[in-house]
Amino acid sequence: LLLGEFQCSYAGDLIVSNGSLFLSTNHLVFYSSLGALSVKKLVIPWLSVRSIELSVTNYDVSSGIKVLLKDNQLR
C-alpha cells in the first residue's frame, strides 16, 4: 500500500540524482530516471531500517534524511 510520494534528491553516490521517494507499508523506494542510460532505483525494506534521522546537507541549505540500515550501512 503506497502511503506517499515525495520529490527529492539522492546524494549517496558521487552524483546527486533528482527523483521521487515512495513510502509504502513495506518499503522505502527512491527512483530517478534521466533516460535509458541513467536510472537510479533504491529499494529498502522497512525491516532492514535501523533508524532515520534528519540532517542538513553540506552542499545545500535544505534538510534531508539519513537512513541507517541494520547492517550499519548508511543510505
Protein backbone atom coordinates (compact mmCIF):
# COMPACT_ATOMS: atom_id res chain seq x y z
CA LEU A 1 0.00 0.00 0.00
CA LEU A 2 1.51 3.33 -1.11
CA LEU A 3 1.49 5.87 1.73
CA GLY A 4 3.10 8.83 -0.03
CA GLU A 5 5.29 10.12 -2.87
CA PHE A 6 7.77 12.99 -2.48
CA GLN A 7 10.06 14.81 -4.91
CA CYS A 8 13.62 14.67 -3.59
CA SER A 9 17.30 14.10 -4.36
CA TYR A 10 19.54 11.14 -3.53
CA ALA A 11 23.12 12.02 -2.59
CA GLY A 12 24.52 8.56 -1.82
CA ASP A 13 26.78 8.46 -4.88
CA LEU A 14 29.22 11.00 -6.25
CA ILE A 15 26.40 12.41 -8.36
CA VAL A 16 23.21 13.84 -6.88
CA SER A 17 20.14 12.26 -8.51
CA ASN A 18 16.80 14.06 -8.58
CA GLY A 19 13.80 11.78 -8.38
CA SER A 20 10.94 10.54 -6.23
CA LEU A 21 10.78 8.93 -2.81
CA PHE A 22 7.94 6.44 -2.39
CA LEU A 23 6.88 5.30 1.07
CA SER A 24 4.81 2.15 1.33
CA THR A 25 3.82 -0.10 4.19
CA ASN A 26 6.71 -2.46 3.33
CA HIS A 27 9.43 -0.39 1.58
CA LEU A 28 11.17 2.93 1.17
CA VAL A 29 11.92 3.39 -2.56
CA PHE A 30 13.91 6.06 -4.39
CA TYR A 31 13.57 6.19 -8.18
CA SER A 32 15.20 8.53 -10.68
CA SER A 33 15.33 8.33 -14.47
CA LEU A 34 17.03 10.67 -16.93
CA GLY A 35 16.71 8.37 -19.91
CA ALA A 36 17.65 4.75 -20.53
CA LEU A 37 21.31 5.22 -19.57
CA SER A 38 20.74 6.96 -16.24
CA VAL A 39 18.36 5.08 -13.95
CA LYS A 40 18.73 5.00 -10.17
CA LYS A 41 16.49 2.71 -8.15
CA LEU A 42 16.97 2.03 -4.47
CA VAL A 43 14.56 -0.28 -2.60
CA ILE A 44 14.90 -0.63 1.18
CA PRO A 45 12.57 -2.92 3.13
CA TRP A 46 11.40 -1.34 6.40
CA LEU A 47 12.60 -4.49 8.20
CA SER A 48 16.19 -3.52 7.20
CA VAL A 49 15.98 0.03 8.62
CA ARG A 50 17.61 0.67 12.00
CA SER A 51 16.89 4.42 12.17
CA ILE A 52 16.05 7.54 10.17
CA GLU A 53 17.34 10.93 11.23
CA LEU A 54 17.09 14.49 9.94
CA SER A 55 20.25 16.09 8.62
CA VAL A 56 21.43 19.24 6.88
CA THR A 57 23.38 18.58 3.71
CA ASN A 58 26.79 20.16 3.14
CA TYR A 59 26.10 21.28 -0.42
CA ASP A 60 22.68 22.80 0.14
CA VAL A 61 20.81 24.75 2.78
CA SER A 62 17.86 22.35 2.77
CA SER A 63 17.47 19.49 5.19
CA GLY A 64 17.40 15.81 4.35
CA ILE A 65 17.24 12.40 5.96
CA LYS A 66 19.84 9.74 6.67
CA VAL A 67 18.71 6.12 6.66
CA LEU A 68 20.83 3.75 8.74
CA LEU A 69 20.34 0.06 7.98
CA LYS A 70 20.59 -2.78 10.47
CA ASP A 71 23.83 -3.94 8.78
CA ASN A 72 25.27 -0.44 9.62
CA GLN A 73 25.18 0.79 6.03
CA LEU A 74 24.17 4.43 5.58
CA ARG A 75 21.79 5.36 2.75
